[in-house]
Amino acid sequence: MLWKIIGIVAVVWIALAIIGALIKGLFPILMISLVVFGLYLVYKAVSGSNKSPMSKL
């Protein structure tokens, strides 16, 4: 029973380590993509194009 608990704790620990490394590695990419998307939305708002389907309502 003790080895089963130790095994479960070890598996959870390894899973959290892998998830943490993925988040740490992908966080800069996420931030850059959010900035680019925000700049795109600002550009579309400033450019004044009326090509969106919502403008026809």
N, C-alpha and C. Protein backbone atom coordinates (compact mmCIF):
# COMPACT_ATOMS: atom_id res chain seq x y z
N MET A 1 0.82 -1.20 0.00
CA MET A 1 0.00 0.00 0.00
C MET A 1 0.86 1.26 0.00
N LEU A 2 1.95 1.22 0.75
CA LEU A 2 2.85 2.37 0.82
C LEU A 2 3.47 2.65 -0.55
N TRP A 3 3.87 1.58 -1.26
CA TRP A 3 4.48 1.77 -2.57
C TRP A 3 3.49 2.31 -3.58
N LYS A 4 2.25 1.96 -3.44
CA LYS A 4 1.21 2.48 -4.33
C LYS A 4 1.05 3.98 -4.14
N ILE A 5 1.04 4.44 -2.90
CA ILE A 5 0.92 5.88 -2.62
C ILE A 5 2.15 6.62 -3.12
N ILE A 6 3.33 6.05 -2.88
CA ILE A 6 4.56 6.68 -3.36
C ILE A 6 4.57 6.75 -4.89
N GLY A 7 4.07 5.71 -5.54
CA GLY A 7 4.00 5.71 -7.00
C GLY A 7 3.05 6.77 -7.54
N ILE A 8 1.90 6.91 -6.89
CA ILE A 8 0.93 7.92 -7.32
C ILE A 8 1.51 9.32 -7.14
N VAL A 9 2.17 9.55 -6.01
CA VAL A 9 2.78 10.86 -5.75
C VAL A 9 3.87 11.15 -6.78
N ALA A 10 4.66 10.14 -7.13
CA ALA A 10 5.73 10.33 -8.11
C ALA A 10 5.15 10.64 -9.49
N VAL A 11 4.10 9.95 -9.89
CA VAL A 11 3.48 10.20 -11.20
C VAL A 11 2.89 11.61 -11.25
N VAL A 12 2.22 12.03 -10.19
CA VAL A 12 1.65 13.38 -10.15
C VAL A 12 2.75 14.43 -10.19
N TRP A 13 3.85 14.17 -9.46
CA TRP A 13 4.96 15.11 -9.43
C TRP A 13 5.58 15.25 -10.83
N ILE A 14 5.79 14.14 -11.52
CA ILE A 14 6.36 14.19 -12.87
C ILE A 14 5.41 14.89 -13.83
N ALA A 15 4.12 14.63 -13.71
CA ALA A 15 3.14 15.28 -14.59
C ALA A 15 3.13 16.79 -14.37
N LEU A 16 3.17 17.22 -13.13
CA LEU A 16 3.20 18.66 -12.85
C LEU A 16 4.49 19.30 -13.33
N ALA A 17 5.60 18.59 -13.25
CA ALA A 17 6.87 19.11 -13.76
C ALA A 17 6.81 19.30 -15.27
N ILE A 18 6.22 18.35 -15.97
CA ILE A 18 6.11 18.46 -17.43
C ILE A 18 5.16 19.59 -17.82
N ILE A 19 4.03 19.69 -17.13
CA ILE A 19 3.07 20.76 -17.43
C ILE A 19 3.69 22.13 -17.14
N GLY A 20 4.42 22.23 -16.04
CA GLY A 20 5.09 23.49 -15.70
C GLY A 20 6.11 23.90 -16.74
N ALA A 21 6.87 22.92 -17.25
CA ALA A 21 7.87 23.23 -18.28
C ALA A 21 7.20 23.67 -19.57
N LEU A 22 6.08 23.04 -19.93
CA LEU A 22 5.36 23.45 -21.14
C LEU A 22 4.82 24.86 -21.01
N ILE A 23 4.23 25.16 -19.86
CA ILE A 23 3.69 26.51 -19.65
C ILE A 23 4.81 27.54 -19.67
N LYS A 24 5.92 27.22 -19.03
CA LYS A 24 7.05 28.16 -19.01
C LYS A 24 7.60 28.39 -20.42
N GLY A 25 7.60 27.35 -21.25
CA GLY A 25 8.12 27.49 -22.60
C GLY A 25 7.17 28.18 -23.55
N LEU A 26 5.86 27.96 -23.36
CA LEU A 26 4.88 28.52 -24.29
C LEU A 26 4.37 29.89 -23.89
N PHE A 27 4.66 30.34 -22.68
CA PHE A 27 4.14 31.63 -22.21
C PHE A 27 4.61 32.80 -23.07
N PRO A 28 5.90 32.89 -23.44
CA PRO A 28 6.31 34.01 -24.31
C PRO A 28 5.60 34.01 -25.66
N ILE A 29 5.39 32.83 -26.23
CA ILE A 29 4.70 32.74 -27.51
C ILE A 29 3.26 33.24 -27.36
N LEU A 30 2.62 32.88 -26.26
CA LEU A 30 1.26 33.34 -25.99
C LEU A 30 1.21 34.86 -25.86
N MET A 31 2.16 35.45 -25.16
CA MET A 31 2.16 36.90 -24.99
C MET A 31 2.39 37.61 -26.32
N ILE A 32 3.30 37.10 -27.13
CA ILE A 32 3.57 37.72 -28.43
C ILE A 32 2.34 37.63 -29.32
N SER A 33 1.67 36.49 -29.30
CA SER A 33 0.48 36.34 -30.14
C SER A 33 -0.65 37.26 -29.66
N LEU A 34 -0.78 37.46 -28.36
CA LEU A 34 -1.80 38.38 -27.86
C LEU A 34 -1.50 39.82 -28.28
N VAL A 35 -0.24 40.21 -28.26
CA VAL A 35 0.13 41.56 -28.68
C VAL A 35 -0.14 41.75 -30.17
N VAL A 36 0.22 40.76 -30.98
CA VAL A 36 -0.02 40.85 -32.43
C VAL A 36 -1.51 40.91 -32.72
N PHE A 37 -2.30 40.09 -32.04
CA PHE A 37 -3.75 40.11 -32.25
C PHE A 37 -4.34 41.46 -31.81
N GLY A 38 -3.86 42.00 -30.71
CA GLY A 38 -4.33 43.32 -30.27
C GLY A 38 -3.99 44.41 -31.28
N LEU A 39 -2.78 44.36 -31.82
CA LEU A 39 -2.40 45.34 -32.84
C LEU A 39 -3.25 45.19 -34.09
N TYR A 40 -3.59 43.97 -34.45
CA TYR A 40 -4.47 43.74 -35.60
C TYR A 40 -5.85 44.33 -35.35
N LEU A 41 -6.39 44.13 -34.15
CA LEU A 41 -7.70 44.70 -33.84
C LEU A 41 -7.67 46.22 -33.84
N VAL A 42 -6.60 46.80 -33.33
CA VAL A 42 -6.47 48.27 -33.35
C VAL A 42 -6.38 48.77 -34.79
N TYR A 43 -5.62 48.08 -35.63
CA TYR A 43 -5.50 48.47 -37.03
C TYR A 43 -6.85 48.41 -37.73
N LYS A 44 -7.62 47.33 -37.49
CA LYS A 44 -8.93 47.21 -38.13
C LYS A 44 -9.88 48.30 -37.63
N ALA A 45 -9.78 48.67 -36.37
CA ALA A 45 -10.66 49.70 -35.83
C ALA A 45 -10.30 51.08 -36.38
N VAL A 46 -9.02 51.33 -36.56
CA VAL A 46 -8.58 52.64 -37.03
C VAL A 46 -8.74 52.77 -38.54
N SER A 47 -8.57 51.69 -39.27
CA SER A 47 -8.62 51.77 -40.73
C SER A 47 -10.01 52.12 -41.24
N GLY A 48 -11.04 51.79 -40.49
CA GLY A 48 -12.39 52.18 -40.87
C GLY A 48 -12.97 51.39 -42.01
N SER A 49 -12.48 50.20 -42.23
CA SER A 49 -13.06 49.39 -43.31
C SER A 49 -14.42 48.86 -42.88
N ASN A 50 -15.36 48.89 -43.81
CA ASN A 50 -16.72 48.42 -43.51
C ASN A 50 -17.00 47.08 -44.18
N LYS A 51 -16.05 46.21 -44.18
CA LYS A 51 -16.20 44.91 -44.83
C LYS A 51 -16.69 43.83 -43.87
N SER A 52 -16.87 44.17 -42.62
CA SER A 52 -17.31 43.15 -41.66
C SER A 52 -18.80 42.90 -41.84
N PRO A 53 -19.25 41.68 -41.62
CA PRO A 53 -20.67 41.37 -41.79
C PRO A 53 -21.58 42.14 -40.82
N MET A 54 -21.05 42.55 -39.69
CA MET A 54 -21.86 43.27 -38.70
C MET A 54 -22.21 44.68 -39.16
N SER A 55 -21.41 45.26 -40.06
CA SER A 55 -21.67 46.63 -40.50
C SER A 55 -22.86 46.69 -41.46
N LYS A 56 -23.31 45.56 -41.99
CA LYS A 56 -24.42 45.55 -42.93
C LYS A 56 -25.77 45.48 -42.25
N LEU A 57 -25.78 45.33 -40.95
CA LEU A 57 -27.05 45.21 -40.23
C LEU A 57 -27.75 46.55 -40.09
